């Protein structure tokens, strides 16, 4: 059974860092496009960062560029999201998701609606 499990969330002060992990079971992550998404209370789920199976490229939403880094460890079947210089606006539930690969330049590449398999989410709260 395909399963994704996120971990690494928590409470952190502004300017701090967290590293989120997404561990897959029941399938091999390196055959899929993987995305990190977040949803704050009262807001729609948004794409934070996605990494392509086809060419290994990654993309980021503008608000996290230069602060967040997505990476994958195929040997551990795990994808990470390193989050630095965190801001209160980063507060949300963070989810990872997987889907069959599409071209990395496809406009749908990091859109939540195209992803079929989701984890349960991990809460990130940035507050002093």
Foldseek 3Di string as FASTA:
>chain_A
DWAKAKDWADEAAQQAKIKMKIAIPPDQQLQWKKWKWWDDPPDDIFTAKIAASPPRDMDGDPVQPPFWDWDDDRVRSMIMIIGGRDDQVVWTWMKMFIDGGDPPPPPCSRPVVRTDHIHPTDTHGYHD
